[in-house]
Every structure is written in structure tokens, then in C-alpha cells.
């Protein structure tokens, strides 16, 4: 039986230390009086042991610290063919991704291996430091804030932290038994928090699975469980009600390719240009904004994108991870850029009908099979999109089913959002608990 996690009481019930002193650093504030505050360089030495190309390649993650690179499939950083310049790491060594230290991307390694030559590697030499405590300390929120201060660069994603600055960072050193107690306490408590997060992640997966089942059943069978069915002749659709048809998407409206605007003419204001980066699955993302002179809106009316239009991304890596299409909900003026297409639906079509079909996971699989991955960039033609077959009931039934799906999926989306908010609160609580324990704000017995 899992231990119940009580976020509200854990830190409240933990006492503070009886007396405190100033750490000497404004960003650390007061620390327990018997703790030491020393420079990082007094605990370790810089290490640069190379020419071990046969060692296992390791990576540094913000969330986990040092891990085996092959243990995850979301690490897309390419390993060099020539690994002779990679730096050797032994268990107990500190490894820092100096370009992402401001995110907390560092940790004490539990593995033997090699890491990128761009990383900082250090051997812990002090006998007064417990590596598990140091691992938690250097990755906590207070320290990440300090790495932000001492990192440099024009762009946030390319900030660099120099070792000469890093080695002068103040490190808090409690007596060894306290370091061990803090590390053990945090291992136990964070395991409970991670378990709670894992349960909520599974609940979200179940909600998404439930949404997919409801959508597929509604768009292929309708809402009448007693309706007579017939074979649609399309694998992903299966059986459909007798009164329904199967139509190709191109029969439901006109598919228009975007216009090849000259990016040199893009401006900071004017008519918005919809690019592939703006089209995400079932939503638009305007964080990457481009505008063009308003004259084009009147010169090129056939490339206008209006509210309720269905837009597809056609090419480049944006579709390599699956379908990218959305129903436009914005009222402002938009022109469609090249490598995208817009479907201008017929009058007897509920635009939400296609929207919900696109949400069907089996439709997505059908769409993905049409993507050409033989070239340098994955792409799909408007002709291929137009030839995809979908179930098509009468407009009255489209309206009823669409309204039903909209209601159900809205409720599920709300439930998912609440679970995601609970997960964020758990993560915030975990970070706060770690920070309070390793900096002496709470006393761990």
C-alpha cells in the first residue's frame, strides 16, 4: 500500500534549527550556525581525462542529472564519430553542462563513462562532503538562480557559465551525518512525490485514451447504438451506419496551397502570415510571428485564411512527428504561406466534423501513411490529403454528433487540465522541499 503524501503538513511539521548565522551570500541568506560555507573549488578539482572512446556515452539532464545516454529516446544530440576528446567520468564525479547550468543541468554521476568535451568535469576530493547531498544542493532552486547570474551570452538558450566563476560559488557543508540524513530524507520524500506524479500521468493517459475511444466511435458509428451498419471499405473507418457515405476530403471543398512569400518582405506589423511553425496539432501557435504589407491581402485574396478554415502543414520536419492541422479560430487578417494548404469547405459541411475526424487516432495513422519520408524533408501533397477518405453523414447528423463530441471532449480537456495543474503543484512542492532541506531552512532529523 503506497504511503499517502501530505503536501500541506510535511514542511510545516519540520522544525527549524535553533540558531542561524548569515551565509555571507545574499542569495543564500541565513544558514544553520554550525554549518560551513565554503567555495566549491575547496571541495573538488577540475578534471579533463580524455582518450577513452570505448567508454559508455553519458548525458546530463536537467531533470535527472547524469544518466546513460542510451537509457532515453528523447536525447537528439548527436554523438561525435570521433570520441577521443570526450571527457572521462567516474562514479562520484561532478558533471556540468555549462551551456545549460542556468537550468540546473548538472549532477554527481553514478556511472563510469564519457561526456561531451564541452562539459565541465570535476573530481570531488573533499572527505567532508557526501555526494548525494552535493548532488541535491547544486541542483536546487537557490543555486540555479546563482548560475543564472554568473552565466553570459546574448541569447538565453546559448548562455555560457565559465569554470572560473563556477568554482567560486559558495557551497553549504553541514556535518556529514546531517548531509546523509538530508539526502536520505529527500530520497524518501521525492520518491513519494514522483509516485504521486506518476499516478496522475497515468490518469491523464487514461483520459486521453477515453477521449480517443469516444471520438472514434462517434465519427464512425454515430450516436445510435442500434443503427444498422455496413462496411465502409476503408480500413481505418471500419463499419459505418447504413445511411452514411464515404467521401474523399477533396470532395468536401477546395484545397489551396499557400503562396511563396519572400521572407525578406516580412515586417513587424501588417497582415499576419501563417507559416508551418504556426500550425500545431489542433491549435495555432503565434509565438513565431511574421507580417507582410497589407497590399497583399487585396492582391492575393485566394490565399486568405478565414475563421473556421481547416489548415494543414505540408512539409519540413514539423510534420515528421505526425499530423499538423487546425481549425482557425482567429478573426484577424491572415495570408497562408507556402508549404501549407487550406481547405475551403462546402456549405453542407459542418467544419467541426472534419476537426473531430482529425482528432481520431486512426485517422492520424492514415494521414501519416501518406507522408513521403524518402526525401531530405518529410512532406505530404495536397493531392494525397485530398484522397484521404472519411465517413460522411447528412449535415443534420454532423451537427448533432459534433455538438456531442464537443461537450464530451471539453469535459475531458478540463479534467486533463486539472490533473496537469496538480502535477505542476507537486513539482513545485518537490523543488521547494529540496531547496529548504539542503539550505537549512528546515531541520531534517
Protein backbone atom coordinates (compact mmCIF):
# COMPACT_ATOMS: atom_id res chain seq x y z
CA UNK A 1 0.00 0.00 0.00
CA UNK A 2 1.62 3.33 -1.06
CA UNK A 3 2.28 5.85 1.66
CA UNK A 4 -0.06 8.81 1.40
CA UNK A 5 1.70 12.08 0.64
CA UNK A 6 0.53 15.09 2.62
CA UNK A 7 1.98 18.18 0.96
CA UNK A 8 0.35 20.56 3.36
CA UNK A 9 1.91 19.15 6.50
CA UNK A 10 5.37 17.85 5.57
CA UNK A 11 7.30 21.12 5.72
CA UNK A 12 5.05 22.69 8.34
CA UNK A 13 5.81 19.85 10.77
CA UNK A 14 9.57 20.00 10.22
CA UNK A 15 11.31 22.26 12.74
CA UNK A 16 13.91 24.91 12.04
CA UNK A 17 17.40 24.87 13.51
CA UNK A 18 17.75 26.61 16.92
CA UNK A 19 20.23 29.27 15.77
CA UNK A 20 21.23 30.73 12.41
CA UNK A 21 24.02 32.91 11.01
CA UNK A 22 24.38 34.81 7.76
CA UNK A 23 25.90 32.73 4.99
CA UNK A 24 27.80 35.69 3.55
CA UNK A 25 25.73 35.47 0.36
CA UNK A 26 22.52 37.44 -0.15
CA UNK A 27 21.11 34.71 -2.40
CA UNK A 28 21.57 32.08 0.33
CA UNK A 29 20.53 34.21 3.29
CA UNK A 30 20.82 32.69 6.77
CA UNK A 31 22.07 29.16 7.38
CA UNK A 32 22.29 26.98 10.50
CA UNK A 33 25.02 28.32 12.77
CA UNK A 34 27.06 25.10 12.84
CA UNK A 35 27.11 24.71 9.02
CA UNK A 36 30.13 25.78 7.00
CA UNK A 37 30.02 27.92 3.87
CA UNK A 38 33.00 27.24 1.58
CA UNK A 39 33.89 27.83 -2.04
CA UNK A 40 33.18 24.99 -4.45
CA UNK A 41 36.81 24.77 -5.52
CA UNK A 42 37.81 23.73 -1.99
CA UNK A 43 35.82 20.52 -2.40
CA UNK A 44 36.97 19.37 -5.83
CA UNK A 45 39.43 19.76 -8.65
CA UNK A 46 38.96 20.28 -12.37
CA UNK A 47 39.34 17.09 -14.38
CA UNK A 48 39.95 16.56 -18.09
CA UNK A 49 40.73 12.89 -18.69
CA UNK A 50 40.39 12.12 -22.41
CA UNK A 51 41.13 9.39 -24.95
CA UNK A 52 38.61 6.78 -23.73
CA UNK A 53 36.47 6.33 -26.86
CA UNK A 54 35.28 2.88 -25.77
CA UNK A 55 33.61 4.14 -22.59
CA UNK A 56 29.82 4.44 -22.49
CA UNK A 57 28.46 7.86 -23.52
CA UNK A 58 26.67 9.73 -20.73
CA UNK A 59 24.31 12.73 -20.86
CA UNK A 60 23.35 15.43 -18.38
CA UNK A 61 19.64 16.13 -17.91
CA UNK A 62 18.08 18.98 -16.02
CA UNK A 63 15.52 16.59 -14.53
CA UNK A 64 17.79 13.67 -13.66
CA UNK A 65 21.42 14.71 -13.58
CA UNK A 66 23.96 12.37 -15.20
CA UNK A 67 22.43 9.37 -16.98
CA UNK A 68 23.39 6.84 -19.64
CA UNK A 69 22.58 8.45 -22.97
CA UNK A 70 21.08 5.27 -24.44
CA UNK A 71 18.69 4.94 -21.49
CA UNK A 72 16.35 7.54 -23.05
CA UNK A 73 14.97 8.02 -26.54
CA UNK A 74 14.38 11.79 -26.27
CA UNK A 75 18.05 12.80 -26.48
CA UNK A 76 18.60 14.07 -30.01
CA UNK A 77 22.14 15.41 -29.52
CA UNK A 78 24.39 13.57 -31.94
CA UNK A 79 27.44 11.78 -30.58
CA UNK A 80 30.63 12.56 -32.49
CA UNK A 81 32.12 9.72 -34.52
CA UNK A 82 35.50 10.61 -33.01
CA UNK A 83 35.10 10.33 -29.22
CA UNK A 84 38.75 10.68 -28.28
CA UNK A 85 38.18 14.23 -27.00
CA UNK A 86 35.24 13.22 -24.82
CA UNK A 87 35.93 13.55 -21.10
CA UNK A 88 36.03 10.50 -18.84
CA UNK A 89 33.70 10.43 -15.82
CA UNK A 90 33.97 8.15 -12.80
CA UNK A 91 31.20 7.45 -10.27
CA UNK A 92 31.19 10.35 -7.81
CA UNK A 93 32.44 12.96 -10.32
CA UNK A 94 30.54 16.19 -10.85
CA UNK A 95 29.49 16.90 -14.44
CA UNK A 96 28.16 20.29 -15.58
CA UNK A 97 26.61 21.27 -18.89
CA UNK A 98 27.96 24.81 -18.72
CA UNK A 99 25.64 25.99 -21.51
CA UNK A 100 22.59 24.90 -19.51
CA UNK A 101 23.78 25.33 -15.94
CA UNK A 102 21.20 28.11 -15.61
CA UNK A 103 18.57 25.38 -15.97
CA UNK A 104 20.18 23.13 -13.36
CA UNK A 105 21.71 20.77 -15.91
CA UNK A 106 24.42 19.15 -13.78
CA UNK A 107 24.85 16.33 -11.31
CA UNK A 108 27.11 13.90 -9.49
CA UNK A 109 27.49 10.82 -11.68
CA UNK A 110 26.64 7.29 -10.58
CA UNK A 111 28.16 5.92 -13.78
CA UNK A 112 31.51 5.41 -15.45
CA UNK A 113 31.60 6.81 -18.96
CA UNK A 114 32.42 9.79 -21.16
CA UNK A 115 30.69 13.11 -21.74
CA UNK A 116 30.86 15.92 -24.28
CA UNK A 117 34.17 17.81 -24.31
CA UNK A 118 32.12 20.98 -23.83
CA UNK A 119 31.07 19.88 -20.32
CA UNK A 120 32.85 20.73 -17.07
CA UNK A 121 34.03 17.62 -15.22
CA UNK A 122 35.34 17.70 -11.64
CA UNK A 123 36.62 15.13 -9.18
CA UNK A 124 35.31 15.53 -5.64
CA UNK A 125 38.36 15.48 -3.38
CA UNK A 126 36.95 16.53 0.00
CA UNK A 127 36.20 13.88 2.60
CA UNK A 128 33.72 16.25 4.25
CA UNK A 129 31.09 16.14 1.54
CA UNK A 130 28.51 13.44 0.82
CA UNK A 131 28.00 13.18 -2.93
CA UNK A 132 24.23 12.59 -2.75
CA UNK A 133 23.78 15.73 -0.66
CA UNK A 134 26.01 17.75 -3.00
CA UNK A 135 24.02 16.47 -5.99
CA UNK A 136 20.79 17.79 -4.44
CA UNK A 137 22.36 21.05 -3.26
CA UNK A 138 23.91 22.14 -6.56
CA UNK A 139 20.66 21.44 -8.46
CA UNK A 140 18.26 23.23 -6.09
CA UNK A 141 16.40 26.43 -6.98
CA UNK A 142 18.63 28.80 -4.99
CA UNK A 143 21.73 27.60 -6.81
CA UNK A 144 20.07 27.64 -10.22
CA UNK A 145 19.31 31.31 -9.60
CA UNK A 146 23.00 31.93 -8.93
CA UNK A 147 24.04 30.09 -12.12
CA UNK A 148 21.69 32.43 -13.99
CA UNK A 149 23.57 35.40 -12.52
CA UNK A 150 27.04 34.15 -13.47
CA UNK A 151 26.16 32.87 -16.97
CA UNK A 152 26.83 35.02 -20.01
CA UNK A 153 25.57 35.33 -23.55
CA UNK A 154 23.42 37.30 -25.96
CA UNK A 155 20.67 34.66 -26.28
CA UNK A 156 19.21 32.82 -23.30
CA UNK A 157 19.46 29.42 -24.98
CA UNK A 158 23.18 29.96 -25.54
CA UNK A 159 24.29 31.25 -22.16
CA UNK A 160 27.67 30.01 -21.00
CA UNK A 161 28.96 29.62 -17.45
CA UNK A 162 32.76 29.77 -17.04
CA UNK A 163 34.51 27.41 -14.66
CA UNK A 164 36.40 30.33 -13.09
CA UNK A 165 33.07 31.73 -11.92
CA UNK A 166 31.53 28.38 -11.08
CA UNK A 167 34.38 27.31 -8.81
CA UNK A 168 33.84 30.38 -6.59
CA UNK A 169 30.18 29.52 -5.89
CA UNK A 170 29.56 29.18 -2.14
CA UNK A 171 28.66 25.65 -1.02
CA UNK A 172 26.91 24.82 2.24
CA UNK A 173 28.55 22.00 4.19
CA UNK A 174 26.66 20.57 7.19
CA UNK A 175 28.31 17.85 9.31
CA UNK A 176 28.47 14.57 7.38
CA UNK A 177 25.75 12.80 9.43
CA UNK A 178 23.37 15.67 8.63
CA UNK A 179 24.26 15.54 4.93
CA UNK A 180 23.43 11.82 4.91
CA UNK A 181 20.18 12.41 6.81
CA UNK A 182 19.14 15.17 4.39
CA UNK A 183 19.89 13.02 1.34
CA UNK A 184 18.03 10.02 2.82
CA UNK A 185 15.05 12.19 3.78
CA UNK A 186 14.86 13.70 0.29
CA UNK A 187 15.19 10.31 -1.40
CA UNK A 188 12.21 9.06 0.57
CA UNK A 189 10.03 12.16 0.17
CA UNK A 190 10.78 12.79 -3.50
CA UNK A 191 10.07 9.14 -4.28
CA UNK A 192 6.59 9.62 -2.83
CA UNK A 193 6.09 12.81 -4.83
CA UNK A 194 7.31 11.13 -8.03
CA UNK A 195 4.94 8.25 -7.34
CA UNK A 196 2.03 10.70 -6.99
CA UNK A 197 3.07 12.42 -10.25
CA UNK A 198 3.28 9.04 -11.99
CA UNK A 199 -0.26 8.16 -10.89
CA UNK A 200 -1.60 11.45 -12.25
CA UNK A 201 0.31 10.95 -15.52
CA UNK A 202 -1.39 7.56 -15.91
CA UNK A 203 -4.76 9.16 -15.15
CA UNK A 204 -4.11 11.69 -17.93
CA UNK A 205 -3.20 8.87 -20.33
CA UNK A 206 -6.45 7.10 -19.45
CA UNK A 207 -8.45 10.28 -20.05
CA UNK A 208 -6.78 10.74 -23.44
CA UNK A 209 -7.46 7.11 -24.30
CA UNK A 210 -11.09 7.56 -23.27
CA UNK A 211 -11.31 10.66 -25.48
CA UNK A 212 -9.94 8.74 -28.47
CA UNK A 213 -12.43 5.89 -27.99
CA UNK A 214 -15.37 8.30 -27.75
CA UNK A 215 -14.28 10.29 -30.80
CA UNK A 216 -13.67 7.24 -32.98
CA UNK A 217 -16.97 5.66 -32.03
CA UNK A 218 -18.88 8.90 -32.65
CA UNK A 219 -17.34 9.78 -36.03
CA UNK A 220 -17.59 6.26 -37.43
CA UNK A 221 -20.75 4.85 -35.80
CA UNK A 222 -22.76 7.92 -34.75
CA UNK A 223 -24.72 8.12 -31.51
CA UNK A 224 -27.40 5.48 -32.11
CA UNK A 225 -26.13 2.15 -30.71
CA UNK A 226 -28.89 0.23 -32.54
CA UNK A 227 -28.22 1.59 -36.04
CA UNK A 228 -27.61 -0.94 -38.81
CA UNK A 229 -24.03 -0.92 -40.08
CA UNK A 230 -22.31 -1.56 -43.38
CA UNK A 231 -18.67 -1.98 -44.39
CA UNK A 232 -17.13 1.37 -45.32
CA UNK A 233 -14.44 -0.22 -47.47
CA UNK A 234 -11.82 1.88 -45.65
CA UNK A 235 -9.56 0.14 -43.16
CA UNK A 236 -9.26 2.92 -40.58
CA UNK A 237 -13.01 3.61 -40.59
CA UNK A 238 -14.38 0.08 -40.39
CA UNK A 239 -18.17 -0.19 -40.34
CA UNK A 240 -20.44 2.85 -40.64
CA UNK A 241 -24.23 3.39 -40.37
CA UNK A 242 -26.17 2.35 -43.48
CA UNK A 243 -27.26 5.89 -44.29
CA UNK A 244 -23.73 7.32 -44.27
CA UNK A 245 -21.38 7.84 -47.20
CA UNK A 246 -17.59 7.72 -47.53
CA UNK A 247 -16.06 10.70 -49.29
CA UNK A 248 -12.60 11.93 -50.15
CA UNK A 249 -11.58 15.15 -48.43
CA UNK A 250 -11.20 16.87 -51.81
CA UNK A 251 -14.91 16.25 -52.44
CA UNK A 252 -15.78 18.34 -49.39
CA UNK A 253 -14.18 21.56 -50.55
CA UNK A 254 -11.28 23.16 -52.36
CA UNK A 255 -7.70 22.56 -51.14
CA UNK A 256 -5.46 25.56 -51.83
CA UNK A 257 -1.67 25.65 -51.46
CA UNK A 258 -0.11 28.65 -49.74
CA UNK A 259 1.73 31.44 -51.54
CA UNK A 260 5.54 31.66 -51.70
CA UNK A 261 6.04 34.97 -49.92
CA UNK A 262 9.53 36.46 -49.93
CA UNK A 263 10.71 36.30 -46.32
CA UNK A 264 12.78 39.43 -46.93
CA UNK A 265 9.50 41.33 -47.13
CA UNK A 266 8.29 40.19 -43.72
CA UNK A 267 7.63 43.07 -41.31
CA UNK A 268 6.90 43.70 -37.63
CA UNK A 269 3.31 44.65 -38.41
CA UNK A 270 0.75 44.34 -41.18
CA UNK A 271 -1.19 41.25 -42.31
CA UNK A 272 -0.22 38.10 -40.43
CA UNK A 273 1.47 35.36 -42.47
CA UNK A 274 0.68 31.79 -41.37
CA UNK A 275 3.84 29.65 -41.58
CA UNK A 276 4.37 25.97 -40.84
CA UNK A 277 5.62 26.82 -37.33
CA UNK A 278 2.23 28.36 -36.54
CA UNK A 279 0.30 25.16 -37.27
CA UNK A 280 0.29 22.73 -34.37
CA UNK A 281 -1.97 19.76 -33.79
CA UNK A 282 -5.45 21.18 -33.24
CA UNK A 283 -4.22 24.67 -32.42
CA UNK A 284 -2.39 27.69 -33.77
CA UNK A 285 0.82 28.93 -32.20
CA UNK A 286 1.57 32.57 -32.94
CA UNK A 287 4.76 32.78 -30.85
CA UNK A 288 6.74 32.92 -34.13
CA UNK A 289 5.15 35.95 -35.76
CA UNK A 290 5.61 37.25 -39.29
CA UNK A 291 3.72 40.00 -41.09
CA UNK A 292 3.52 41.23 -44.69
CA UNK A 293 2.39 44.50 -46.27
CA UNK A 294 -1.40 44.79 -46.23
CA UNK A 295 -1.49 45.31 -50.01
CA UNK A 296 -1.00 41.55 -50.47
CA UNK A 297 -4.26 40.86 -48.65
CA UNK A 298 -6.10 42.56 -51.50
CA UNK A 299 -3.80 41.43 -54.31
CA UNK A 300 -3.92 37.73 -53.30
CA UNK A 301 -7.45 37.09 -51.96
CA UNK A 302 -7.27 33.38 -52.86
CA UNK A 303 -4.62 32.86 -50.15
CA UNK A 304 -6.64 34.38 -47.34
CA UNK A 305 -7.30 32.19 -44.30
CA UNK A 306 -10.61 32.87 -42.60
CA UNK A 307 -12.19 31.80 -39.35
CA UNK A 308 -13.29 28.12 -39.41
CA UNK A 309 -10.93 27.24 -42.29
CA UNK A 310 -9.03 23.97 -41.94
CA UNK A 311 -5.27 24.41 -42.45
CA UNK A 312 -2.63 21.67 -43.00
CA UNK A 313 1.16 21.82 -42.73
CA UNK A 314 2.60 20.01 -45.75
CA UNK A 315 6.33 19.68 -45.39
CA UNK A 316 9.57 20.10 -43.43
CA UNK A 317 10.32 18.49 -40.03
CA UNK A 318 7.18 19.96 -38.49
CA UNK A 319 5.13 17.00 -39.81
CA UNK A 320 7.77 14.36 -39.09
CA UNK A 321 6.14 13.79 -35.69
CA UNK A 322 2.64 13.38 -37.11
CA UNK A 323 -0.30 15.35 -38.41
CA UNK A 324 -0.27 19.12 -38.09
CA UNK A 325 -3.65 20.67 -38.84
CA UNK A 326 -6.02 23.07 -37.14
CA UNK A 327 -9.34 24.85 -37.46
CA UNK A 328 -8.73 28.62 -37.50
CA UNK A 329 -10.45 30.38 -34.61
CA UNK A 330 -8.91 33.85 -35.13
CA UNK A 331 -10.79 36.74 -36.72
CA UNK A 332 -7.81 38.84 -37.84
CA UNK A 333 -6.44 39.02 -41.39
CA UNK A 334 -4.24 36.04 -42.32
CA UNK A 335 -2.45 35.03 -45.53
CA UNK A 336 -1.21 31.47 -45.99
CA UNK A 337 2.48 30.90 -46.65
CA UNK A 338 3.93 28.17 -48.88
CA UNK A 339 4.24 24.56 -47.69
CA UNK A 340 0.78 24.83 -46.13
CA UNK A 341 -2.69 24.24 -47.53
CA UNK A 342 -6.17 25.38 -46.59
CA UNK A 343 -9.44 23.53 -47.13
CA UNK A 344 -12.31 25.80 -48.09
CA UNK A 345 -15.31 23.60 -47.16
CA UNK A 346 -18.62 23.29 -48.98
CA UNK A 347 -21.78 24.74 -47.48
CA UNK A 348 -23.28 21.35 -46.48
CA UNK A 349 -20.33 20.58 -44.23
CA UNK A 350 -20.05 21.24 -40.50
CA UNK A 351 -16.44 22.42 -40.16
CA UNK A 352 -16.20 20.81 -36.73
CA UNK A 353 -16.97 17.43 -38.33
CA UNK A 354 -13.59 17.30 -40.08
CA UNK A 355 -11.96 18.77 -36.99
CA UNK A 356 -13.15 15.85 -34.86
CA UNK A 357 -12.24 13.29 -37.51
CA UNK A 358 -8.71 14.69 -37.46
CA UNK A 359 -8.64 14.08 -33.70
CA UNK A 360 -9.28 10.37 -34.31
CA UNK A 361 -6.04 8.46 -33.73
CA UNK A 362 -6.84 6.02 -36.54
CA UNK A 363 -7.31 8.91 -38.98
CA UNK A 364 -3.93 10.26 -37.83
CA UNK A 365 -2.36 6.91 -38.67
CA UNK A 366 -3.97 7.03 -42.11
CA UNK A 367 -2.67 10.56 -42.61
CA UNK A 368 0.85 9.58 -41.53
CA UNK A 369 0.96 6.77 -44.09
CA UNK A 370 0.57 9.40 -46.80
CA UNK A 371 3.64 11.37 -45.63
CA UNK A 372 6.57 10.98 -48.02
CA UNK A 373 9.72 10.40 -45.96
CA UNK A 374 12.01 9.40 -48.85
CA UNK A 375 13.44 12.89 -49.38
CA UNK A 376 15.51 15.11 -47.13
CA UNK A 377 12.35 16.57 -45.63
CA UNK A 378 9.08 14.72 -44.91
CA UNK A 379 6.18 16.12 -46.89
CA UNK A 380 2.63 15.41 -47.94
CA UNK A 381 0.95 16.72 -51.09
CA UNK A 382 -2.45 18.35 -51.27
CA UNK A 383 -3.41 15.57 -53.67
CA UNK A 384 -2.60 12.93 -51.03
CA UNK A 385 -4.57 14.84 -48.41
CA UNK A 386 -7.48 15.24 -50.80
CA UNK A 387 -7.60 11.50 -51.47
CA UNK A 388 -7.91 10.51 -47.80
CA UNK A 389 -11.37 9.04 -47.25
CA UNK A 390 -13.57 9.98 -44.31
CA UNK A 391 -17.07 8.99 -43.10
CA UNK A 392 -19.77 11.46 -44.12
CA UNK A 393 -23.30 11.56 -42.62
CA UNK A 394 -26.02 14.05 -43.51
CA UNK A 395 -25.46 17.60 -42.27
CA UNK A 396 -28.11 17.28 -39.53
CA UNK A 397 -26.31 14.27 -38.04
CA UNK A 398 -22.93 16.00 -38.42
CA UNK A 399 -24.28 18.83 -36.29
CA UNK A 400 -25.67 16.54 -33.57
CA UNK A 401 -22.53 14.38 -33.37
CA UNK A 402 -20.19 17.37 -33.44
CA UNK A 403 -22.08 19.01 -30.57
CA UNK A 404 -21.91 15.77 -28.57
CA UNK A 405 -18.17 15.36 -29.15
CA UNK A 406 -17.51 19.00 -28.35
CA UNK A 407 -19.29 18.66 -25.00
CA UNK A 408 -17.56 15.41 -24.05
CA UNK A 409 -14.07 16.44 -25.16
CA UNK A 410 -14.42 19.77 -23.38
CA UNK A 411 -15.16 17.96 -20.12
CA UNK A 412 -12.22 15.61 -20.65
CA UNK A 413 -9.93 18.53 -21.54
CA UNK A 414 -10.94 20.22 -18.29
CA UNK A 415 -10.20 17.06 -16.33
CA UNK A 416 -6.80 16.73 -18.03
CA UNK A 417 -6.01 20.38 -17.33
CA UNK A 418 -6.80 19.90 -13.63
CA UNK A 419 -4.52 16.86 -13.45
CA UNK A 420 -1.75 18.82 -15.18
CA UNK A 421 -2.16 21.64 -12.66
CA UNK A 422 -1.92 19.12 -9.82
CA UNK A 423 1.28 17.74 -11.33
CA UNK A 424 2.77 21.24 -11.57
CA UNK A 425 1.93 21.85 -7.91
CA UNK A 426 3.60 18.58 -6.95
CA UNK A 427 6.71 19.54 -8.92
CA UNK A 428 6.79 22.98 -7.29
CA UNK A 429 6.38 21.39 -3.87
CA UNK A 430 9.19 18.92 -4.60
CA UNK A 431 11.55 21.71 -5.66
CA UNK A 432 10.64 23.78 -2.58
CA UNK A 433 11.15 20.82 -0.24
CA UNK A 434 14.58 20.05 -1.71
CA UNK A 435 15.63 23.70 -1.57
CA UNK A 436 14.50 24.10 2.05
CA UNK A 437 16.25 20.91 3.21
CA UNK A 438 19.65 21.42 1.53
CA UNK A 439 19.92 25.09 2.50
CA UNK A 440 18.95 24.56 6.16
CA UNK A 441 15.60 26.33 6.09
CA UNK A 442 14.10 23.22 7.69
CA UNK A 443 15.76 20.71 10.03
CA UNK A 444 15.80 17.08 8.97
CA UNK A 445 16.15 14.57 11.81
